[in-house]
């Protein structure tokens, strides 16, 4: 059977295409690129103005047209609705993948019989600790290729729950959404900021090293370097961290905690 395969993020899309090529399958792949785990999502299924504005603040020097990205995602979801092919949604155990799953299910509510999934977990990654957050882009293509035979339909009961959870997360419109205990948990930016400040060095350190040390340290979140660098800049604006070098370039600046800042 041929499927339209849906994944979250360019890395996942590239790996899944490699897996399809290895298996000699002609199936198309739809890549939804938005990291829905961070930032406001209240208007993501409408005009996306707040959503695109958030990403513009996170990456002000990026050449990406974030408003166009929001519209493209809606066009992709509409294309899934209009297609006659079965849909296979691939997801790992991360907030971003899980939110993508729920969003796609919500948009396909009129054709529940077409919705299938492939649920990957940490046990399928070599040397991965139990409970580790995972995203499809972390798995080798050969591992994904072995899962084509396990594509399974999603029960109507589960579909209803997933669609409801998407609506609830959109309504909550939290700063951040964490994946903890197989549940999406809303959180504020300070949840991330506290970890950054806890791990921020007291000596000048290349920003790339600071960010790398933080990326896997936030409970429930696979945080991107874009997002964490933005939060560091916000903390600098609040006087809690300091920077020297090119503030527009993660590769060309250094960070440290502001030791003279008064503790709250």
Protein backbone atom coordinates (compact mmCIF):
# COMPACT_ATOMS: atom_id res chain seq x y z
CA UNK A 1 0.00 0.00 0.00
CA UNK A 2 1.19 3.50 -0.80
CA UNK A 3 1.12 6.20 1.87
CA UNK A 4 1.77 9.90 2.21
CA UNK A 5 4.35 10.00 4.99
CA UNK A 6 4.21 13.00 7.32
CA UNK A 7 7.17 14.01 9.50
CA UNK A 8 8.30 16.97 11.57
CA UNK A 9 11.43 18.83 10.44
CA UNK A 10 13.79 18.79 7.47
CA UNK A 11 16.22 16.32 9.05
CA UNK A 12 13.42 13.81 9.57
CA UNK A 13 12.21 14.37 6.02
CA UNK A 14 15.65 13.74 4.54
CA UNK A 15 16.19 10.58 6.59
CA UNK A 16 12.76 9.20 5.76
CA UNK A 17 13.33 9.81 2.04
CA UNK A 18 16.56 7.83 2.33
CA UNK A 19 14.63 5.02 4.03
CA UNK A 20 12.01 5.03 1.28
CA UNK A 21 14.76 4.85 -1.35
CA UNK A 22 16.38 1.91 0.47
CA UNK A 23 13.04 0.11 0.48
CA UNK A 24 12.36 1.05 -3.17
CA UNK A 25 9.10 2.73 -2.20
CA UNK A 26 7.77 5.63 -4.31
CA UNK A 27 5.70 7.14 -1.48
CA UNK A 28 5.68 10.94 -1.13
CA UNK A 29 6.85 12.70 2.04
CA UNK A 30 5.28 15.82 3.57
CA UNK A 31 7.58 17.75 5.91
CA UNK A 32 5.99 20.09 8.46
CA UNK A 33 8.82 22.34 9.62
CA UNK A 34 7.39 24.33 12.55
CA UNK A 35 8.72 23.45 16.01
CA UNK A 36 5.36 23.64 17.74
CA UNK A 37 6.88 22.97 21.18
CA UNK A 38 7.94 26.60 21.61
CA UNK A 39 6.22 29.95 21.20
CA UNK A 40 2.57 30.95 20.82
CA UNK A 41 0.34 28.64 18.73
CA UNK A 42 -3.02 30.32 19.34
CA UNK A 43 -3.32 31.49 15.73
CA UNK A 44 -1.25 28.81 14.00
CA UNK A 45 -4.33 27.39 12.25
CA UNK A 46 -5.63 30.86 11.35
CA UNK A 47 -3.59 33.81 10.09
CA UNK A 48 -0.41 32.84 11.95
CA UNK A 49 0.59 36.48 12.57
CA UNK A 50 1.57 35.97 16.20
CA UNK A 51 3.30 32.72 15.32
CA UNK A 52 5.38 34.17 12.50
CA UNK A 53 6.16 37.23 14.63
CA UNK A 54 7.54 34.95 17.33
CA UNK A 55 9.92 33.23 14.91
CA UNK A 56 11.00 36.58 13.53
CA UNK A 57 12.05 37.60 17.06
CA UNK A 58 13.83 34.29 17.57
CA UNK A 59 15.76 34.54 14.29
CA UNK A 60 15.74 38.20 13.21
CA UNK A 61 18.60 37.74 10.74
CA UNK A 62 17.16 34.66 9.07
CA UNK A 63 16.26 34.83 5.38
CA UNK A 64 13.24 32.61 6.02
CA UNK A 65 9.86 34.21 5.30
CA UNK A 66 8.10 32.96 8.43
CA UNK A 67 4.68 34.24 7.38
CA UNK A 68 5.02 32.28 4.13
CA UNK A 69 6.04 29.21 6.17
CA UNK A 70 2.83 29.47 8.19
CA UNK A 71 0.73 29.60 5.03
CA UNK A 72 2.67 26.75 3.42
CA UNK A 73 1.96 24.49 6.40
CA UNK A 74 -1.77 25.20 6.09
CA UNK A 75 -1.57 24.43 2.36
CA UNK A 76 0.19 21.14 3.15
CA UNK A 77 -2.52 20.19 5.64
CA UNK A 78 -5.20 21.05 3.11
CA UNK A 79 -3.40 18.89 0.57
CA UNK A 80 -3.48 15.98 3.02
CA UNK A 81 -7.21 16.47 3.48
CA UNK A 82 -7.84 16.50 -0.27
CA UNK A 83 -5.70 13.48 -1.10
CA UNK A 84 -7.16 9.99 -1.45
CA UNK A 85 -4.01 8.26 -0.19
CA UNK A 86 -3.55 6.77 3.26
CA UNK A 87 -1.59 8.98 5.67
CA UNK A 88 1.29 7.66 7.81
CA UNK A 89 2.36 10.06 10.59
CA UNK A 90 5.85 9.36 11.97
CA UNK A 91 6.67 10.61 15.45
CA UNK A 92 9.14 10.17 18.24
CA UNK A 93 8.83 10.92 21.94
CA UNK A 94 9.27 14.68 21.88
CA UNK A 95 6.92 17.60 22.33
CA UNK A 96 7.45 18.85 18.78
CA UNK A 97 6.74 15.47 17.15
CA UNK A 98 3.76 14.85 19.43
CA UNK A 99 2.24 18.25 18.69
CA UNK A 100 2.70 17.69 14.96
CA UNK A 101 0.87 14.37 15.32
CA UNK A 102 -2.04 16.03 17.10
CA UNK A 103 -2.25 18.89 14.62
CA UNK A 104 -2.38 16.56 11.61
CA UNK A 105 -5.01 14.38 13.28
CA UNK A 106 -7.11 17.47 14.04
CA UNK A 107 -6.97 18.59 10.41
CA UNK A 108 -7.90 15.13 9.10
CA UNK A 109 -10.88 14.62 11.41
CA UNK A 110 -13.26 14.18 8.46
CA UNK A 111 -11.34 11.16 7.13
CA UNK A 112 -10.27 9.22 10.24
CA UNK A 113 -10.07 5.95 8.29
CA UNK A 114 -7.02 7.27 6.40
CA UNK A 115 -4.88 8.04 9.47
CA UNK A 116 -2.01 5.72 10.39
CA UNK A 117 1.07 6.17 12.55
CA UNK A 118 4.57 4.93 13.26
CA UNK A 119 5.52 5.57 16.88
CA UNK A 120 9.27 5.42 17.52
CA UNK A 121 10.84 5.37 20.99
CA UNK A 122 14.28 5.49 22.59
CA UNK A 123 14.65 1.70 22.63
CA UNK A 124 15.13 1.86 18.87
CA UNK A 125 18.14 4.15 19.22
CA UNK A 126 21.46 2.50 20.05
CA UNK A 127 22.80 3.38 23.52
CA UNK A 128 19.83 5.66 24.21
CA UNK A 129 18.91 5.89 27.92
CA UNK A 130 15.39 4.88 28.86
CA UNK A 131 12.99 7.79 28.78
CA UNK A 132 15.17 9.84 26.43
CA UNK A 133 13.32 12.32 24.23
CA UNK A 134 13.48 11.33 20.59
CA UNK A 135 12.59 12.84 17.24
CA UNK A 136 12.34 11.05 13.90
CA UNK A 137 15.38 12.91 12.59
CA UNK A 138 17.55 11.16 15.23
CA UNK A 139 17.01 7.67 13.77
CA UNK A 140 19.16 6.22 10.98
CA UNK A 141 17.44 5.58 7.66
CA UNK A 142 17.98 1.83 7.97
CA UNK A 143 16.03 1.79 11.24
CA UNK A 144 13.14 3.71 9.69
CA UNK A 145 13.13 1.40 6.67
CA UNK A 146 12.45 -1.56 8.97
CA UNK A 147 9.32 0.14 10.28
CA UNK A 148 7.36 0.38 7.03
CA UNK A 149 5.79 -3.00 7.78
CA UNK A 150 4.58 -1.72 11.16
CA UNK A 151 2.51 1.22 9.90
CA UNK A 152 -0.75 0.85 11.82
CA UNK A 153 -4.16 2.56 11.79
CA UNK A 154 -5.03 4.84 14.70
CA UNK A 155 -8.15 3.90 16.64
CA UNK A 156 -11.14 6.22 16.54
CA UNK A 157 -10.95 6.65 20.32
CA UNK A 158 -7.29 7.68 20.16
CA UNK A 159 -7.96 10.02 17.24
CA UNK A 160 -10.64 11.81 19.24
CA UNK A 161 -8.27 12.26 22.17
CA UNK A 162 -5.42 13.51 19.99
CA UNK A 163 -7.62 16.03 18.22
CA UNK A 164 -8.99 17.30 21.53
CA UNK A 165 -5.47 17.65 22.95
CA UNK A 166 -4.44 19.76 19.96
CA UNK A 167 -7.40 22.07 20.51
CA UNK A 168 -6.57 22.31 24.22
CA UNK A 169 -2.93 23.20 23.57
CA UNK A 170 -3.97 25.86 21.07
CA UNK A 171 -6.42 27.26 23.62
CA UNK A 172 -3.81 27.25 26.41
CA UNK A 173 -1.33 29.00 24.10
CA UNK A 174 1.53 28.53 26.57
CA UNK A 175 5.06 29.84 26.03
CA UNK A 176 6.43 26.31 25.87
CA UNK A 177 5.01 22.79 25.73
CA UNK A 178 6.98 19.95 27.35
CA UNK A 179 6.67 16.19 26.79
CA UNK A 180 6.73 14.60 30.25
CA UNK A 181 5.23 11.30 31.30
CA UNK A 182 3.71 10.81 27.83
CA UNK A 183 1.78 14.04 28.33
CA UNK A 184 2.07 17.53 26.90
CA UNK A 185 2.64 19.96 29.76
CA UNK A 186 2.32 23.76 29.31
CA UNK A 187 5.15 25.84 30.74
CA UNK A 188 6.44 29.42 30.80
CA UNK A 189 9.69 30.71 29.31
CA UNK A 190 11.19 30.97 32.79
CA UNK A 191 11.22 27.15 32.91
CA UNK A 192 13.83 27.28 30.15
CA UNK A 193 15.53 30.43 31.46
CA UNK A 194 16.11 28.83 34.87
CA UNK A 195 18.05 25.99 33.24
CA UNK A 196 20.08 28.43 31.13
CA UNK A 197 21.06 30.48 34.18
CA UNK A 198 21.84 27.36 36.18
CA UNK A 199 24.25 26.16 33.51
CA UNK A 200 25.59 29.50 32.29
CA UNK A 201 29.34 29.77 32.95
CA UNK A 202 30.87 32.48 35.11
CA UNK A 203 33.78 32.86 32.67
CA UNK A 204 33.55 33.98 29.07
CA UNK A 205 32.68 30.93 26.96
CA UNK A 206 31.88 30.59 23.24
CA UNK A 207 28.12 30.83 22.81
CA UNK A 208 28.03 27.61 20.78
CA UNK A 209 29.50 25.72 23.74
CA UNK A 210 27.04 27.30 26.20
CA UNK A 211 24.08 26.44 23.98
CA UNK A 212 25.32 22.89 23.34
CA UNK A 213 25.55 22.27 27.08
CA UNK A 214 21.95 23.39 27.57
CA UNK A 215 20.22 21.75 24.59
CA UNK A 216 19.70 18.37 26.23
CA UNK A 217 19.31 19.63 29.79
CA UNK A 218 15.73 20.92 29.72
CA UNK A 219 13.34 18.30 31.07
CA UNK A 220 10.71 17.54 28.44
CA UNK A 221 12.11 19.70 25.63
CA UNK A 222 14.43 19.07 22.70
CA UNK A 223 15.39 22.72 22.43
CA UNK A 224 16.91 24.13 19.23
CA UNK A 225 19.98 26.36 19.20
CA UNK A 226 17.87 29.13 17.60
CA UNK A 227 15.41 29.12 20.47
CA UNK A 228 18.04 28.92 23.23
CA UNK A 229 20.15 31.69 21.73
CA UNK A 230 17.06 33.89 21.68
CA UNK A 231 16.36 33.13 25.35
CA UNK A 232 19.99 34.02 26.14
CA UNK A 233 19.53 37.37 24.40
CA UNK A 234 16.37 37.95 26.43
CA UNK A 235 18.30 37.20 29.63
CA UNK A 236 21.00 39.63 28.52
CA UNK A 237 18.32 42.27 28.05
CA UNK A 238 17.17 41.55 31.60
CA UNK A 239 20.71 42.02 32.91
CA UNK A 240 21.13 38.39 33.99
CA UNK A 241 23.68 37.42 31.34
CA UNK A 242 26.28 39.33 29.34
CA UNK A 243 27.66 38.92 25.83
CA UNK A 244 30.67 40.07 23.89
CA UNK A 245 31.25 39.76 20.16
CA UNK A 246 28.68 39.67 17.38
CA UNK A 247 25.23 39.53 18.97
CA UNK A 248 23.72 38.42 15.64
CA UNK A 249 25.92 35.34 15.32
CA UNK A 250 25.89 32.33 17.58
CA UNK A 251 29.29 31.33 16.18
CA UNK A 252 30.94 34.68 16.80
CA UNK A 253 30.15 35.70 20.36
CA UNK A 254 30.78 34.65 23.92
CA UNK A 255 28.43 34.43 26.89
CA UNK A 256 28.63 34.32 30.65
CA UNK A 257 26.40 34.83 33.65
CA UNK A 258 26.25 38.38 34.97
CA UNK A 259 27.71 37.91 38.45
CA UNK A 260 26.84 41.47 39.44
CA UNK A 261 23.12 40.90 38.85
CA UNK A 262 21.08 40.99 42.03
CA UNK A 263 19.45 37.63 42.83
CA UNK A 264 15.67 37.68 42.89
